[in-house]
């Protein structure tokens, strides 16, 4: 009887050990485009919450700015020499990173892409927003704000960044053939300070601007600051992208007109969740869509309440 009990106990220990190995021992680095904005901090929060709930070890890292392609490349290369089980990446320049992705695949490390897709067949999945369609959404909203047409400038992220290419192209296609005229497209590398500088220059070259579309909130907030500093009384529609905490506060307080929200928290959460699912042998679809939403004065209070729950602080 004692011998049988020992065997059963040993079997249970082995089962629990194997079950624990199925998730608790996983090491999953999440490599973002940067960590210097509320957007990426919210992605980080989602990834870390998923790690805590699923019992896996997650490290969230990123380069100093969204222009530092080689810094991200080197970070990824460094991860491949560590003992990791999967790699979750928001690629700055997908084509530049393809050799790293191929190396990971050869070493048996699954790669999941978040936020920005890449034309690489070896990925497990892409988790993120349809940036082209979200850009169209921004263009259609601008048409509502400027029903009689007007001059619009686009301030976009770094040239060559596929995410910002798609957000720009979607907007352009939405306003094509309308009375809205896009008079300039300038990069500001997703940074607030550079967004302000670029907008100051645009105001000098185009004093009759009616609308601004920025392909992330940081640049939109920089553009808003430039307009406020210039003392312009004219009501200029300013649309950002991401639904970041600072953007939500600005919309609430009468600054930005709107932001196209992609659910950054769930992008980070899903990145880790689906990595674990794949490692556990579950089938994962090649694309996991994360929906977008236009946030303006009509729904900003609700979104602020949701963000406060995620971040655990008042905005």
C-alpha atoms as a PDB file:
ATOM      1  CA  UNK A   1       0.000   0.000   0.000  1.00  0.00           C
ATOM      2  CA  UNK A   2       2.830   2.392   0.936  1.00  0.00           C
ATOM      3  CA  UNK A   3       4.670   1.474  -2.250  1.00  0.00           C
ATOM      4  CA  UNK A   4       1.555   2.195  -4.357  1.00  0.00           C
ATOM      5  CA  UNK A   5       1.058   5.530  -2.593  1.00  0.00           C
ATOM      6  CA  UNK A   6       4.689   6.450  -3.269  1.00  0.00           C
ATOM      7  CA  UNK A   7       4.310   5.609  -6.973  1.00  0.00           C
ATOM      8  CA  UNK A   8       1.112   7.661  -7.265  1.00  0.00           C
ATOM      9  CA  UNK A   9       2.721  10.602  -5.456  1.00  0.00           C
ATOM     10  CA  UNK A  10       5.797  10.407  -7.653  1.00  0.00           C
ATOM     11  CA  UNK A  11       3.595  10.324 -10.753  1.00  0.00           C
ATOM     12  CA  UNK A  12       1.699  13.390  -9.586  1.00  0.00           C
ATOM     13  CA  UNK A  13       4.943  15.247  -8.912  1.00  0.00           C
ATOM     14  CA  UNK A  14       6.134  14.393 -12.431  1.00  0.00           C
ATOM     15  CA  UNK A  15       2.849  15.572 -13.951  1.00  0.00           C
ATOM     16  CA  UNK A  16       2.952  18.858 -12.055  1.00  0.00           C
ATOM     17  CA  UNK A  17       6.594  19.323 -12.993  1.00  0.00           C
ATOM     18  CA  UNK A  18       5.865  18.771 -16.662  1.00  0.00           C
ATOM     19  CA  UNK A  19       2.833  21.071 -16.462  1.00  0.00           C
ATOM     20  CA  UNK A  20       4.954  23.739 -14.825  1.00  0.00           C
ATOM     21  CA  UNK A  21       7.552  23.392 -17.567  1.00  0.00           C
ATOM     22  CA  UNK A  22       4.811  24.037 -20.104  1.00  0.00           C
ATOM     23  CA  UNK A  23       4.655  27.675 -19.080  1.00  0.00           C
ATOM     24  CA  UNK A  24       6.437  28.660 -15.878  1.00  0.00           C
ATOM     25  CA  UNK A  25       9.926  28.102 -17.250  1.00  0.00           C
ATOM     26  CA  UNK A  26       9.400  30.038 -20.487  1.00  0.00           C
ATOM     27  CA  UNK A  27      11.668  33.016 -21.041  1.00  0.00           C
ATOM     28  CA  UNK A  28      10.245  35.483 -23.549  1.00  0.00           C
ATOM     29  CA  UNK A  29      11.976  38.779 -24.340  1.00  0.00           C
ATOM     30  CA  UNK A  30       9.731  41.494 -25.770  1.00  0.00           C
ATOM     31  CA  UNK A  31      11.753  43.884 -27.940  1.00  0.00           C
ATOM     32  CA  UNK A  32       9.913  47.129 -28.672  1.00  0.00           C
ATOM     33  CA  UNK A  33      10.729  50.048 -30.973  1.00  0.00           C
ATOM     34  CA  UNK A  34      11.503  52.268 -27.970  1.00  0.00           C
ATOM     35  CA  UNK A  35      10.502  52.755 -24.344  1.00  0.00           C
ATOM     36  CA  UNK A  36      10.374  56.545 -24.357  1.00  0.00           C
ATOM     37  CA  UNK A  37       6.665  57.183 -24.913  1.00  0.00           C
ATOM     38  CA  UNK A  38       3.359  56.433 -23.215  1.00  0.00           C
ATOM     39  CA  UNK A  39       2.400  54.223 -26.130  1.00  0.00           C
ATOM     40  CA  UNK A  40       5.311  51.832 -25.630  1.00  0.00           C
ATOM     41  CA  UNK A  41       4.933  51.993 -21.860  1.00  0.00           C
ATOM     42  CA  UNK A  42       1.346  50.790 -22.291  1.00  0.00           C
ATOM     43  CA  UNK A  43       2.508  47.961 -24.585  1.00  0.00           C
ATOM     44  CA  UNK A  44       5.034  47.085 -21.877  1.00  0.00           C
ATOM     45  CA  UNK A  45       2.289  47.093 -19.215  1.00  0.00           C
ATOM     46  CA  UNK A  46       0.228  44.639 -21.274  1.00  0.00           C
ATOM     47  CA  UNK A  47       3.192  42.306 -21.800  1.00  0.00           C
ATOM     48  CA  UNK A  48       4.098  42.310 -18.120  1.00  0.00           C
ATOM     49  CA  UNK A  49       0.522  41.718 -16.990  1.00  0.00           C
ATOM     50  CA  UNK A  50       0.286  38.727 -19.347  1.00  0.00           C
ATOM     51  CA  UNK A  51       3.573  37.399 -17.959  1.00  0.00           C
ATOM     52  CA  UNK A  52       2.303  37.672 -14.391  1.00  0.00           C
ATOM     53  CA  UNK A  53      -1.007  35.980 -15.200  1.00  0.00           C
ATOM     54  CA  UNK A  54       0.574  33.174 -17.235  1.00  0.00           C
ATOM     55  CA  UNK A  55       3.558  32.627 -14.962  1.00  0.00           C
ATOM     56  CA  UNK A  56       6.295  33.230 -17.517  1.00  0.00           C
ATOM     57  CA  UNK A  57       9.480  35.290 -17.399  1.00  0.00           C
ATOM     58  CA  UNK A  58       9.310  38.353 -19.637  1.00  0.00           C
ATOM     59  CA  UNK A  59      11.893  41.082 -20.155  1.00  0.00           C
ATOM     60  CA  UNK A  60      10.807  44.209 -22.047  1.00  0.00           C
ATOM     61  CA  UNK A  61      13.563  46.149 -23.801  1.00  0.00           C
ATOM     62  CA  UNK A  62      13.874  48.666 -26.613  1.00  0.00           C
ATOM     63  CA  UNK A  63      16.293  51.144 -28.181  1.00  0.00           C
ATOM     64  CA  UNK A  64      16.635  54.753 -27.046  1.00  0.00           C
ATOM     65  CA  UNK A  65      14.513  56.107 -29.920  1.00  0.00           C
ATOM     66  CA  UNK A  66      12.462  54.863 -32.867  1.00  0.00           C
ATOM     67  CA  UNK A  67      15.237  55.895 -35.265  1.00  0.00           C
ATOM     68  CA  UNK A  68      17.809  53.552 -33.719  1.00  0.00           C
ATOM     69  CA  UNK A  69      17.452  50.617 -36.101  1.00  0.00           C
ATOM     70  CA  UNK A  70      20.921  49.163 -35.512  1.00  0.00           C
ATOM     71  CA  UNK A  71      20.513  49.475 -31.745  1.00  0.00           C
ATOM     72  CA  UNK A  72      17.416  47.282 -31.989  1.00  0.00           C
ATOM     73  CA  UNK A  73      19.278  44.906 -34.332  1.00  0.00           C
ATOM     74  CA  UNK A  74      22.062  44.514 -31.757  1.00  0.00           C
ATOM     75  CA  UNK A  75      19.538  44.003 -28.950  1.00  0.00           C
ATOM     76  CA  UNK A  76      17.922  41.172 -30.863  1.00  0.00           C
ATOM     77  CA  UNK A  77      21.281  39.627 -31.666  1.00  0.00           C
ATOM     78  CA  UNK A  78      22.116  39.721 -27.967  1.00  0.00           C
ATOM     79  CA  UNK A  79      18.844  37.941 -27.100  1.00  0.00           C
ATOM     80  CA  UNK A  80      19.670  35.048 -29.427  1.00  0.00           C
ATOM     81  CA  UNK A  81      22.739  34.102 -27.390  1.00  0.00           C
ATOM     82  CA  UNK A  82      20.629  33.886 -24.245  1.00  0.00           C
ATOM     83  CA  UNK A  83      18.494  30.983 -23.077  1.00  0.00           C
ATOM     84  CA  UNK A  84      15.128  32.087 -24.468  1.00  0.00           C
ATOM     85  CA  UNK A  85      12.057  30.190 -25.657  1.00  0.00           C
ATOM     86  CA  UNK A  86      10.379  32.735 -27.961  1.00  0.00           C
ATOM     87  CA  UNK A  87      10.912  36.246 -29.239  1.00  0.00           C
ATOM     88  CA  UNK A  88       8.239  38.955 -29.420  1.00  0.00           C
ATOM     89  CA  UNK A  89       9.316  41.900 -31.580  1.00  0.00           C
ATOM     90  CA  UNK A  90       7.968  45.256 -32.750  1.00  0.00           C
ATOM     91  CA  UNK A  91      10.415  45.712 -35.663  1.00  0.00           C
ATOM     92  CA  UNK A  92      11.674  49.182 -36.526  1.00  0.00           C
ATOM     93  CA  UNK A  93      12.853  48.226 -40.009  1.00  0.00           C
ATOM     94  CA  UNK A  94      11.454  44.784 -40.875  1.00  0.00           C
ATOM     95  CA  UNK A  95      13.687  44.165 -43.905  1.00  0.00           C
ATOM     96  CA  UNK A  96      16.822  45.037 -41.917  1.00  0.00           C
ATOM     97  CA  UNK A  97      15.860  42.578 -39.189  1.00  0.00           C
ATOM     98  CA  UNK A  98      15.061  39.640 -41.475  1.00  0.00           C
ATOM     99  CA  UNK A  99      18.544  38.048 -41.016  1.00  0.00           C
ATOM    100  CA  UNK A 100      17.989  38.068 -37.236  1.00  0.00           C
ATOM    101  CA  UNK A 101      14.554  36.496 -37.655  1.00  0.00           C
ATOM    102  CA  UNK A 102      16.036  33.793 -39.893  1.00  0.00           C
ATOM    103  CA  UNK A 103      18.763  33.097 -37.343  1.00  0.00           C
ATOM    104  CA  UNK A 104      16.142  32.734 -34.610  1.00  0.00           C
ATOM    105  CA  UNK A 105      14.170  30.299 -36.754  1.00  0.00           C
ATOM    106  CA  UNK A 106      17.288  28.209 -37.431  1.00  0.00           C
ATOM    107  CA  UNK A 107      17.908  28.029 -33.699  1.00  0.00           C
ATOM    108  CA  UNK A 108      14.343  26.888 -33.071  1.00  0.00           C
ATOM    109  CA  UNK A 109      13.191  30.145 -31.482  1.00  0.00           C
ATOM    110  CA  UNK A 110       9.690  31.159 -32.639  1.00  0.00           C
ATOM    111  CA  UNK A 111       9.272  34.833 -33.568  1.00  0.00           C
ATOM    112  CA  UNK A 112       6.015  36.732 -33.060  1.00  0.00           C
ATOM    113  CA  UNK A 113       5.669  40.236 -34.505  1.00  0.00           C
ATOM    114  CA  UNK A 114       3.634  42.918 -32.763  1.00  0.00           C
ATOM    115  CA  UNK A 115       2.627  46.453 -33.784  1.00  0.00           C
ATOM    116  CA  UNK A 116       4.443  46.275 -37.158  1.00  0.00           C
ATOM    117  CA  UNK A 117       4.276  43.403 -39.616  1.00  0.00           C
ATOM    118  CA  UNK A 118       7.072  42.136 -41.835  1.00  0.00           C
ATOM    119  CA  UNK A 119       6.961  40.266 -45.156  1.00  0.00           C
ATOM    120  CA  UNK A 120       8.724  37.287 -43.590  1.00  0.00           C
ATOM    121  CA  UNK A 121       7.108  33.892 -43.976  1.00  0.00           C
ATOM    122  CA  UNK A 122       8.785  32.403 -40.923  1.00  0.00           C
ATOM    123  CA  UNK A 123       6.870  34.431 -38.333  1.00  0.00           C
ATOM    124  CA  UNK A 124       4.440  32.655 -36.035  1.00  0.00           C
ATOM    125  CA  UNK A 125       1.943  35.503 -36.286  1.00  0.00           C
ATOM    126  CA  UNK A 126       1.488  39.251 -36.537  1.00  0.00           C
ATOM    127  CA  UNK A 127      -0.439  40.926 -33.719  1.00  0.00           C
ATOM    128  CA  UNK A 128      -1.490  44.487 -34.299  1.00  0.00           C
ATOM    129  CA  UNK A 129      -3.563  47.105 -36.003  1.00  0.00           C
ATOM    130  CA  UNK A 130      -4.347  47.253 -39.687  1.00  0.00           C
ATOM    131  CA  UNK A 131      -2.429  50.507 -40.011  1.00  0.00           C
ATOM    132  CA  UNK A 132      -3.591  51.286 -43.542  1.00  0.00           C
ATOM    133  CA  UNK A 133      -7.253  50.958 -42.600  1.00  0.00           C
ATOM    134  CA  UNK A 134      -6.676  52.976 -39.424  1.00  0.00           C
ATOM    135  CA  UNK A 135      -5.057  55.682 -41.568  1.00  0.00           C
ATOM    136  CA  UNK A 136      -8.169  55.700 -43.750  1.00  0.00           C
ATOM    137  CA  UNK A 137     -10.207  56.067 -40.574  1.00  0.00           C
ATOM    138  CA  UNK A 138      -8.185  59.172 -39.712  1.00  0.00           C
ATOM    139  CA  UNK A 139      -8.731  60.575 -43.208  1.00  0.00           C
ATOM    140  CA  UNK A 140     -12.470  59.986 -43.039  1.00  0.00           C
ATOM    141  CA  UNK A 141     -12.596  61.728 -39.659  1.00  0.00           C
ATOM    142  CA  UNK A 142     -10.672  64.689 -41.078  1.00  0.00           C
ATOM    143  CA  UNK A 143     -13.285  64.917 -43.842  1.00  0.00           C
ATOM    144  CA  UNK A 144     -15.959  65.192 -41.140  1.00  0.00           C
ATOM    145  CA  UNK A 145     -14.047  67.961 -39.371  1.00  0.00           C
ATOM    146  CA  UNK A 146     -13.361  69.866 -42.616  1.00  0.00           C
ATOM    147  CA  UNK A 147     -16.530  69.302 -44.671  1.00  0.00           C
ATOM    148  CA  UNK A 148     -15.714  72.283 -46.899  1.00  0.00           C
ATOM    149  CA  UNK A 149     -12.154  71.114 -47.505  1.00  0.00           C
ATOM    150  CA  UNK A 150      -8.913  72.815 -46.522  1.00  0.00           C
ATOM    151  CA  UNK A 151      -5.143  72.559 -46.392  1.00  0.00           C
ATOM    152  CA  UNK A 152      -3.758  69.694 -44.337  1.00  0.00           C
ATOM    153  CA  UNK A 153      -0.214  68.706 -43.364  1.00  0.00           C
ATOM    154  CA  UNK A 154       0.940  65.227 -42.379  1.00  0.00           C
ATOM    155  CA  UNK A 155       3.656  64.744 -39.775  1.00  0.00           C
ATOM    156  CA  UNK A 156       4.815  61.153 -39.885  1.00  0.00           C
ATOM    157  CA  UNK A 157       7.256  58.767 -38.232  1.00  0.00           C
ATOM    158  CA  UNK A 158      10.682  57.916 -39.608  1.00  0.00           C
ATOM    159  CA  UNK A 159      10.938  57.385 -43.352  1.00  0.00           C
ATOM    160  CA  UNK A 160      11.070  53.703 -44.182  1.00  0.00           C
ATOM    161  CA  UNK A 161       9.038  52.643 -41.145  1.00  0.00           C
ATOM    162  CA  UNK A 162       6.307  50.420 -42.590  1.00  0.00           C
ATOM    163  CA  UNK A 163       3.815  51.305 -39.838  1.00  0.00           C
ATOM    164  CA  UNK A 164       4.009  55.012 -40.603  1.00  0.00           C
ATOM    165  CA  UNK A 165       4.031  54.370 -44.355  1.00  0.00           C
ATOM    166  CA  UNK A 166       0.709  52.551 -44.022  1.00  0.00           C
ATOM    167  CA  UNK A 167      -0.839  55.131 -41.683  1.00  0.00           C
ATOM    168  CA  UNK A 168       0.127  57.863 -44.147  1.00  0.00           C
ATOM    169  CA  UNK A 169      -1.033  56.020 -47.260  1.00  0.00           C
ATOM    170  CA  UNK A 170      -4.396  55.143 -45.734  1.00  0.00           C
ATOM    171  CA  UNK A 171      -5.033  58.791 -44.901  1.00  0.00           C
ATOM    172  CA  UNK A 172      -3.968  59.969 -48.362  1.00  0.00           C
ATOM    173  CA  UNK A 173      -6.275  57.475 -50.078  1.00  0.00           C
ATOM    174  CA  UNK A 174      -9.214  58.518 -47.868  1.00  0.00           C
ATOM    175  CA  UNK A 175      -8.920  62.202 -48.814  1.00  0.00           C
ATOM    176  CA  UNK A 176      -7.956  61.677 -52.462  1.00  0.00           C
ATOM    177  CA  UNK A 177     -10.423  63.345 -54.825  1.00  0.00           C
ATOM    178  CA  UNK A 178     -11.928  65.499 -52.070  1.00  0.00           C
ATOM    179  CA  UNK A 179     -11.582  69.205 -51.285  1.00  0.00           C
ATOM    180  CA  UNK A 180      -8.891  68.446 -48.724  1.00  0.00           C
ATOM    181  CA  UNK A 181      -5.435  69.261 -50.068  1.00  0.00           C
ATOM    182  CA  UNK A 182      -2.375  67.695 -48.428  1.00  0.00           C
ATOM    183  CA  UNK A 183       0.183  70.485 -48.816  1.00  0.00           C
ATOM    184  CA  UNK A 184       3.138  68.826 -47.061  1.00  0.00           C
ATOM    185  CA  UNK A 185       4.320  65.535 -45.565  1.00  0.00           C
ATOM    186  CA  UNK A 186       7.269  65.758 -43.181  1.00  0.00           C
ATOM    187  CA  UNK A 187       8.893  63.184 -40.842  1.00  0.00           C
ATOM    188  CA  UNK A 188       9.375  63.933 -37.149  1.00  0.00           C
ATOM    189  CA  UNK A 189      10.607  60.476 -36.094  1.00  0.00           C
ATOM    190  CA  UNK A 190       7.721  59.877 -33.661  1.00  0.00           C
ATOM    191  CA  UNK A 191       9.160  62.418 -31.192  1.00  0.00           C
ATOM    192  CA  UNK A 192       7.249  65.250 -29.514  1.00  0.00           C
ATOM    193  CA  UNK A 193      10.092  67.766 -29.612  1.00  0.00           C
ATOM    194  CA  UNK A 194      10.782  67.123 -33.269  1.00  0.00           C
ATOM    195  CA  UNK A 195       7.054  67.266 -33.980  1.00  0.00           C
ATOM    196  CA  UNK A 196       6.998  70.773 -32.543  1.00  0.00           C
ATOM    197  CA  UNK A 197      10.001  71.871 -34.620  1.00  0.00           C
ATOM    198  CA  UNK A 198       8.587  70.402 -37.837  1.00  0.00           C
ATOM    199  CA  UNK A 199       5.224  72.054 -37.201  1.00  0.00           C
ATOM    200  CA  UNK A 200       6.879  75.425 -36.592  1.00  0.00           C
ATOM    201  CA  UNK A 201       8.581  75.133 -39.978  1.00  0.00           C
ATOM    202  CA  UNK A 202       5.346  74.065 -41.654  1.00  0.00           C
ATOM    203  CA  UNK A 203       3.504  77.058 -40.213  1.00  0.00           C
ATOM    204  CA  UNK A 204       6.120  79.323 -41.762  1.00  0.00           C
ATOM    205  CA  UNK A 205       5.789  77.668 -45.162  1.00  0.00           C
ATOM    206  CA  UNK A 206       1.990  77.189 -45.031  1.00  0.00           C
ATOM    207  CA  UNK A 207       0.322  79.833 -42.834  1.00  0.00           C
ATOM    208  CA  UNK A 208      -3.144  78.756 -44.029  1.00  0.00           C
ATOM    209  CA  UNK A 209      -3.176  75.249 -42.496  1.00  0.00           C
ATOM    210  CA  UNK A 210      -6.624  73.922 -41.554  1.00  0.00           C
ATOM    211  CA  UNK A 211      -5.723  70.456 -40.324  1.00  0.00           C
ATOM    212  CA  UNK A 212      -2.836  68.339 -39.046  1.00  0.00           C
ATOM    213  CA  UNK A 213      -2.598  64.561 -39.142  1.00  0.00           C
ATOM    214  CA  UNK A 214       0.258  63.031 -37.166  1.00  0.00           C
ATOM    215  CA  UNK A 215       0.941  59.315 -37.361  1.00  0.00           C
ATOM    216  CA  UNK A 216       1.508  59.095 -33.624  1.00  0.00           C
ATOM    217  CA  UNK A 217       0.337  61.077 -30.609  1.00  0.00           C
ATOM    218  CA  UNK A 218       3.760  62.330 -29.593  1.00  0.00           C
ATOM    219  CA  UNK A 219       4.136  64.222 -32.868  1.00  0.00           C
ATOM    220  CA  UNK A 220       0.536  65.448 -32.671  1.00  0.00           C
ATOM    221  CA  UNK A 221       1.196  66.872 -29.211  1.00  0.00           C
ATOM    222  CA  UNK A 222       4.353  68.544 -30.494  1.00  0.00           C
ATOM    223  CA  UNK A 223       2.371  70.069 -33.368  1.00  0.00           C
ATOM    224  CA  UNK A 224      -0.259  71.318 -30.913  1.00  0.00           C
ATOM    225  CA  UNK A 225       2.445  72.980 -28.844  1.00  0.00           C
ATOM    226  CA  UNK A 226       3.845  74.726 -31.925  1.00  0.00           C
ATOM    227  CA  UNK A 227       0.389  76.053 -32.831  1.00  0.00           C
ATOM    228  CA  UNK A 228      -0.223  77.263 -29.282  1.00  0.00           C
ATOM    229  CA  UNK A 229       3.204  78.907 -29.089  1.00  0.00           C
ATOM    230  CA  UNK A 230       2.580  80.689 -32.380  1.00  0.00           C
ATOM    231  CA  UNK A 231      -0.556  82.208 -30.858  1.00  0.00           C
ATOM    232  CA  UNK A 232      -2.776  81.031 -33.707  1.00  0.00           C
ATOM    233  CA  UNK A 233      -6.429  81.646 -32.869  1.00  0.00           C
ATOM    234  CA  UNK A 234      -7.787  79.745 -35.850  1.00  0.00           C
ATOM    235  CA  UNK A 235      -9.341  76.378 -34.999  1.00  0.00           C
ATOM    236  CA  UNK A 236      -7.004  73.785 -36.556  1.00  0.00           C
ATOM    237  CA  UNK A 237      -8.101  70.150 -36.471  1.00  0.00           C
ATOM    238  CA  UNK A 238      -5.284  67.990 -35.053  1.00  0.00           C
ATOM    239  CA  UNK A 239      -5.580  64.219 -35.266  1.00  0.00           C
ATOM    240  CA  UNK A 240      -3.037  61.930 -33.617  1.00  0.00           C
ATOM    241  CA  UNK A 241      -2.643  58.181 -33.536  1.00  0.00           C
ATOM    242  CA  UNK A 242      -2.294  55.684 -30.637  1.00  0.00           C
ATOM    243  CA  UNK A 243      -4.726  56.891 -27.957  1.00  0.00           C
ATOM    244  CA  UNK A 244      -1.880  57.506 -25.485  1.00  0.00           C
ATOM    245  CA  UNK A 245      -2.589  58.867 -21.974  1.00  0.00           C
ATOM    246  CA  UNK A 246      -1.230  62.325 -22.814  1.00  0.00           C
ATOM    247  CA  UNK A 247      -3.342  62.447 -25.964  1.00  0.00           C
ATOM    248  CA  UNK A 248      -6.468  61.491 -24.031  1.00  0.00           C
ATOM    249  CA  UNK A 249      -5.833  64.259 -21.514  1.00  0.00           C
ATOM    250  CA  UNK A 250      -5.270  66.740 -24.327  1.00  0.00           C
ATOM    251  CA  UNK A 251      -8.535  65.783 -26.042  1.00  0.00           C
ATOM    252  CA  UNK A 252     -10.373  66.100 -22.730  1.00  0.00           C
ATOM    253  CA  UNK A 253      -8.860  69.530 -22.129  1.00  0.00           C
ATOM    254  CA  UNK A 254      -9.619  70.882 -25.605  1.00  0.00           C
ATOM    255  CA  UNK A 255      -6.180  70.465 -27.181  1.00  0.00           C
ATOM    256  CA  UNK A 256      -6.013  67.640 -29.714  1.00  0.00           C
ATOM    257  CA  UNK A 257      -9.145  67.070 -31.771  1.00  0.00           C
ATOM    258  CA  UNK A 258      -8.911  63.290 -31.873  1.00  0.00           C
ATOM    259  CA  UNK A 259      -6.642  60.253 -31.795  1.00  0.00           C
ATOM    260  CA  UNK A 260      -6.955  56.941 -33.603  1.00  0.00           C
ATOM    261  CA  UNK A 261      -6.616  54.472 -30.771  1.00  0.00           C
ATOM    262  CA  UNK A 262      -4.978  51.155 -31.282  1.00  0.00           C
ATOM    263  CA  UNK A 263      -5.193  49.002 -28.193  1.00  0.00           C
ATOM    264  CA  UNK A 264      -1.530  49.164 -27.231  1.00  0.00           C
ATOM    265  CA  UNK A 265      -2.109  47.331 -23.952  1.00  0.00           C
ATOM    266  CA  UNK A 266      -3.679  44.337 -25.711  1.00  0.00           C
ATOM    267  CA  UNK A 267      -0.949  44.320 -28.370  1.00  0.00           C
ATOM    268  CA  UNK A 268       1.581  43.747 -25.583  1.00  0.00           C
ATOM    269  CA  UNK A 269      -0.678  41.303 -23.742  1.00  0.00           C
ATOM    270  CA  UNK A 270      -1.465  39.245 -26.831  1.00  0.00           C
ATOM    271  CA  UNK A 271       2.207  39.150 -27.810  1.00  0.00           C
ATOM    272  CA  UNK A 272       3.058  37.215 -24.660  1.00  0.00           C
ATOM    273  CA  UNK A 273      -0.204  35.247 -24.515  1.00  0.00           C
ATOM    274  CA  UNK A 274       0.118  33.902 -28.048  1.00  0.00           C
ATOM    275  CA  UNK A 275       3.804  33.134 -27.574  1.00  0.00           C
ATOM    276  CA  UNK A 276       2.822  30.910 -24.654  1.00  0.00           C
ATOM    277  CA  UNK A 277      -0.022  29.345 -26.649  1.00  0.00           C
ATOM    278  CA  UNK A 278       2.392  28.490 -29.477  1.00  0.00           C
ATOM    279  CA  UNK A 279       5.002  27.087 -27.106  1.00  0.00           C
ATOM    280  CA  UNK A 280       2.285  24.937 -25.529  1.00  0.00           C
ATOM    281  CA  UNK A 281       1.505  23.434 -28.931  1.00  0.00           C
ATOM    282  CA  UNK A 282      -1.698  25.351 -29.634  1.00  0.00           C
ATOM    283  CA  UNK A 283      -2.556  26.523 -33.125  1.00  0.00           C
ATOM    284  CA  UNK A 284      -2.016  30.249 -33.644  1.00  0.00           C
ATOM    285  CA  UNK A 285      -3.488  32.148 -36.594  1.00  0.00           C
ATOM    286  CA  UNK A 286      -1.079  33.987 -38.887  1.00  0.00           C
ATOM    287  CA  UNK A 287      -2.664  37.316 -37.981  1.00  0.00           C
ATOM    288  CA  UNK A 288      -4.270  38.449 -34.722  1.00  0.00           C
ATOM    289  CA  UNK A 289      -6.101  41.735 -35.393  1.00  0.00           C
ATOM    290  CA  UNK A 290      -6.378  44.431 -32.737  1.00  0.00           C
ATOM    291  CA  UNK A 291      -9.221  46.870 -33.526  1.00  0.00           C
ATOM    292  CA  UNK A 292      -8.962  50.667 -33.694  1.00  0.00           C
ATOM    293  CA  UNK A 293     -11.278  53.401 -32.475  1.00  0.00           C
ATOM    294  CA  UNK A 294     -11.576  57.150 -33.055  1.00  0.00           C
ATOM    295  CA  UNK A 295     -11.358  58.959 -29.724  1.00  0.00           C
ATOM    296  CA  UNK A 296     -12.658  62.515 -29.518  1.00  0.00           C
ATOM    297  CA  UNK A 297     -14.640  64.563 -26.998  1.00  0.00           C
ATOM    298  CA  UNK A 298     -17.654  62.251 -27.348  1.00  0.00           C
ATOM    299  CA  UNK A 299     -15.947  59.209 -25.806  1.00  0.00           C
ATOM    300  CA  UNK A 300     -12.698  60.407 -24.226  1.00  0.00           C
ATOM    301  CA  UNK A 301     -13.894  60.188 -20.594  1.00  0.00           C
ATOM    302  CA  UNK A 302     -14.677  56.499 -20.993  1.00  0.00           C
ATOM    303  CA  UNK A 303     -11.258  55.853 -22.539  1.00  0.00           C
ATOM    304  CA  UNK A 304      -9.525  57.764 -19.748  1.00  0.00           C
ATOM    305  CA  UNK A 305     -11.295  55.579 -17.175  1.00  0.00           C
ATOM    306  CA  UNK A 306     -10.119  52.457 -19.007  1.00  0.00           C
ATOM    307  CA  UNK A 307      -6.535  53.744 -19.208  1.00  0.00           C
ATOM    308  CA  UNK A 308      -6.498  54.614 -15.502  1.00  0.00           C
ATOM    309  CA  UNK A 309      -7.406  51.002 -14.693  1.00  0.00           C
ATOM    310  CA  UNK A 310      -4.584  49.722 -16.891  1.00  0.00           C
ATOM    311  CA  UNK A 311      -1.947  52.100 -15.551  1.00  0.00           C
ATOM    312  CA  UNK A 312      -3.179  52.093 -11.956  1.00  0.00           C
ATOM    313  CA  UNK A 313      -3.032  55.883 -11.681  1.00  0.00           C
ATOM    314  CA  UNK A 314      -5.107  58.955 -12.408  1.00  0.00           C
ATOM    315  CA  UNK A 315      -4.496  60.854 -15.619  1.00  0.00           C
END
